């Protein structure tokens, strides 16, 4: 089963898949455990911070709890841990990288759409300002495509979050469950 997953990850080749494959190889005893510090972080929340508007977003991760805090919460005033707010041993700064990767997700999804008519409508939708909204409006008419796109986008976002964490020396805390045979 692990070999099938590893093959699928290698074939897919999303950003962050290599980190996931390394963890899977280590869990099955086929490789050394990566020298990354585990962090109980919500990858979806981290992806949201990473893909926010660089002028307005970003945030940080509490290294003791894994909690992701959007940057705007820091502007609301000092919390109960105010004296620890600048401690680099406790906080990991998360930059907002913008929507370029999300736009690329839409382009890659369009390439996978087999029916020419919907693919053409999606290509037209992603041109110019308002591309995200128009793209979603086109998809909203087809529940199956809507679901496929969200699974595709979510997996790519989690992968980018995994890759970013690895670059910072961390890995998301993952529990592997193996069913008894």
Protein backbone atom coordinates (compact mmCIF):
# COMPACT_ATOMS: atom_id res chain seq x y z
CA UNK A 1 0.00 0.00 0.00
CA UNK A 2 2.81 2.40 0.90
CA UNK A 3 4.54 1.66 -2.42
CA UNK A 4 1.33 2.57 -4.28
CA UNK A 5 1.08 5.87 -2.41
CA UNK A 6 4.75 6.62 -3.02
CA UNK A 7 4.35 5.93 -6.72
CA UNK A 8 1.27 8.16 -6.90
CA UNK A 9 3.07 10.98 -5.09
CA UNK A 10 6.06 10.70 -7.42
CA UNK A 11 3.85 10.67 -10.52
CA UNK A 12 1.74 13.61 -9.32
CA UNK A 13 4.76 15.73 -8.41
CA UNK A 14 3.01 18.55 -6.51
CA UNK A 15 5.12 20.85 -4.38
CA UNK A 16 5.31 19.28 -0.93
CA UNK A 17 4.84 15.71 -2.20
CA UNK A 18 8.52 14.88 -1.72
CA UNK A 19 8.30 15.86 1.96
CA UNK A 20 5.22 13.66 2.35
CA UNK A 21 6.95 10.77 0.55
CA UNK A 22 9.99 11.12 2.83
CA UNK A 23 7.74 10.86 5.88
CA UNK A 24 5.98 7.80 4.45
CA UNK A 25 9.30 6.09 3.63
CA UNK A 26 10.51 6.78 7.18
CA UNK A 27 7.25 5.45 8.68
CA UNK A 28 7.63 2.18 6.76
CA UNK A 29 11.31 1.84 7.72
CA UNK A 30 12.56 2.36 4.15
CA UNK A 31 14.44 5.59 4.91
CA UNK A 32 15.87 7.63 7.74
CA UNK A 33 13.50 9.91 9.62
CA UNK A 34 13.82 13.44 8.18
CA UNK A 35 15.66 15.83 10.49
CA UNK A 36 12.71 18.19 10.81
CA UNK A 37 11.07 19.21 14.05
CA UNK A 38 7.44 18.02 14.23
CA UNK A 39 4.89 20.78 14.74
CA UNK A 40 1.17 20.24 15.39
CA UNK A 41 0.06 22.82 12.83
CA UNK A 42 -3.17 23.08 10.85
CA UNK A 43 -1.94 22.94 7.23
CA UNK A 44 -5.13 24.55 5.89
CA UNK A 45 -4.74 27.53 8.20
CA UNK A 46 -1.04 27.80 7.36
CA UNK A 47 -1.86 27.70 3.64
CA UNK A 48 -4.37 30.52 4.17
CA UNK A 49 -1.68 32.66 5.82
CA UNK A 50 0.86 31.88 3.11
CA UNK A 51 -1.52 32.68 0.25
CA UNK A 52 -2.87 35.91 1.68
CA UNK A 53 -2.37 39.39 0.25
CA UNK A 54 1.24 40.45 0.95
CA UNK A 55 0.08 43.99 1.76
CA UNK A 56 -2.44 42.88 4.38
CA UNK A 57 -1.72 39.36 5.60
CA UNK A 58 0.88 36.98 6.86
CA UNK A 59 1.07 35.93 10.43
CA UNK A 60 2.97 33.60 12.70
CA UNK A 61 2.90 30.16 14.24
CA UNK A 62 3.13 29.57 17.96
CA UNK A 63 5.88 26.95 18.09
CA UNK A 64 4.70 25.69 21.47
CA UNK A 65 1.13 24.92 20.33
CA UNK A 66 1.17 24.99 16.51
CA UNK A 67 -1.54 27.65 16.50
CA UNK A 68 -1.53 29.87 13.40
CA UNK A 69 -2.22 33.53 14.10
CA UNK A 70 -3.09 35.88 11.25
CA UNK A 71 -1.09 39.11 11.28
CA UNK A 72 -4.17 41.27 11.72
CA UNK A 73 -4.80 39.74 15.18
CA UNK A 74 -1.50 41.26 16.32
CA UNK A 75 -2.84 44.69 15.38
CA UNK A 76 -5.80 44.28 17.78
CA UNK A 77 -3.54 44.96 20.74
CA UNK A 78 -1.39 42.99 23.14
CA UNK A 79 -2.78 39.69 24.36
CA UNK A 80 -2.06 37.91 27.63
CA UNK A 81 1.34 36.76 26.33
CA UNK A 82 2.46 40.27 25.28
CA UNK A 83 5.97 39.99 26.71
CA UNK A 84 6.55 36.78 24.72
CA UNK A 85 5.23 38.17 21.41
CA UNK A 86 8.68 38.80 19.95
CA UNK A 87 10.37 35.62 21.22
CA UNK A 88 11.89 33.87 18.15
CA UNK A 89 12.03 30.64 20.15
CA UNK A 90 8.24 30.74 20.44
CA UNK A 91 7.06 32.28 17.15
CA UNK A 92 7.71 31.49 13.49
CA UNK A 93 6.90 34.35 11.13
CA UNK A 94 4.73 33.34 8.13
CA UNK A 95 5.00 35.62 5.09
CA UNK A 96 1.99 36.24 2.85
CA UNK A 97 3.11 35.20 -0.61
CA UNK A 98 0.01 36.26 -2.53
CA UNK A 99 -2.32 34.52 -4.94
CA UNK A 100 0.09 33.56 -7.74
CA UNK A 101 0.16 29.89 -6.65
CA UNK A 102 -3.63 29.84 -6.41
CA UNK A 103 -3.88 31.23 -9.92
CA UNK A 104 -1.49 28.51 -11.11
CA UNK A 105 -3.78 25.93 -9.47
CA UNK A 106 -6.64 27.16 -11.65
CA UNK A 107 -4.48 26.94 -14.78
CA UNK A 108 -3.37 23.38 -13.95
CA UNK A 109 -6.93 22.33 -13.17
CA UNK A 110 -8.10 23.64 -16.54
CA UNK A 111 -5.45 21.47 -18.25
CA UNK A 112 -7.06 18.41 -16.61
CA UNK A 113 -10.59 19.21 -17.79
CA UNK A 114 -11.27 16.72 -20.59
CA UNK A 115 -14.38 18.33 -22.10
CA UNK A 116 -13.36 21.18 -24.43
CA UNK A 117 -16.39 23.42 -23.86
CA UNK A 118 -16.06 23.75 -20.07
CA UNK A 119 -12.27 24.04 -20.39
CA UNK A 120 -12.71 26.93 -22.83
CA UNK A 121 -15.17 28.68 -20.48
CA UNK A 122 -12.68 28.32 -17.63
CA UNK A 123 -9.78 29.64 -19.76
CA UNK A 124 -11.83 32.72 -20.62
CA UNK A 125 -12.82 33.15 -16.95
CA UNK A 126 -9.22 33.34 -15.69
CA UNK A 127 -8.28 36.25 -17.94
CA UNK A 128 -7.79 39.63 -16.25
CA UNK A 129 -8.99 41.08 -12.95
CA UNK A 130 -11.63 39.10 -11.08
CA UNK A 131 -10.31 35.79 -12.40
CA UNK A 132 -10.87 33.86 -9.16
CA UNK A 133 -14.51 34.91 -8.88
CA UNK A 134 -15.30 34.25 -12.55
CA UNK A 135 -13.54 30.86 -12.39
CA UNK A 136 -15.63 29.86 -9.37
CA UNK A 137 -18.81 31.15 -11.03
CA UNK A 138 -18.16 28.89 -14.04
CA UNK A 139 -17.46 25.90 -11.79
CA UNK A 140 -20.51 26.56 -9.61
CA UNK A 141 -22.75 25.27 -12.41
CA UNK A 142 -21.22 21.78 -12.19
CA UNK A 143 -21.14 20.23 -8.73
CA UNK A 144 -18.78 17.41 -9.76
CA UNK A 145 -16.22 19.84 -11.23
CA UNK A 146 -16.64 22.14 -8.22
CA UNK A 147 -15.78 19.28 -5.85
CA UNK A 148 -12.88 18.06 -8.02
CA UNK A 149 -11.38 21.55 -8.17
CA UNK A 150 -11.61 22.04 -4.40
CA UNK A 151 -9.95 18.68 -3.71
CA UNK A 152 -7.24 19.54 -6.25
CA UNK A 153 -6.68 23.05 -4.86
CA UNK A 154 -6.76 21.95 -1.21
CA UNK A 155 -4.18 19.21 -1.82
CA UNK A 156 -1.88 21.64 -3.65
CA UNK A 157 -2.24 24.21 -0.83
CA UNK A 158 -1.42 21.63 1.84
CA UNK A 159 1.60 20.58 -0.23
CA UNK A 160 2.88 24.14 -0.46
CA UNK A 161 2.40 24.51 3.30
CA UNK A 162 4.33 21.25 3.91
CA UNK A 163 7.15 22.42 1.64
CA UNK A 164 7.33 25.83 3.32
CA UNK A 165 7.46 24.20 6.76
CA UNK A 166 10.29 21.91 5.62
CA UNK A 167 12.23 24.93 4.35
CA UNK A 168 11.87 26.39 7.84
CA UNK A 169 13.03 23.13 9.49
CA UNK A 170 9.64 21.77 10.56
CA UNK A 171 7.19 19.11 9.49
CA UNK A 172 3.53 18.79 10.34
CA UNK A 173 2.90 16.25 13.07
CA UNK A 174 1.32 13.30 11.23
CA UNK A 175 -0.04 10.14 12.76
CA UNK A 176 -0.05 7.12 10.46
CA UNK A 177 -2.73 4.55 11.11
CA UNK A 178 -2.08 1.00 9.97
CA UNK A 179 -5.00 -1.39 10.01
CA UNK A 180 -4.17 -4.84 11.31
CA UNK A 181 -4.21 -7.47 8.54
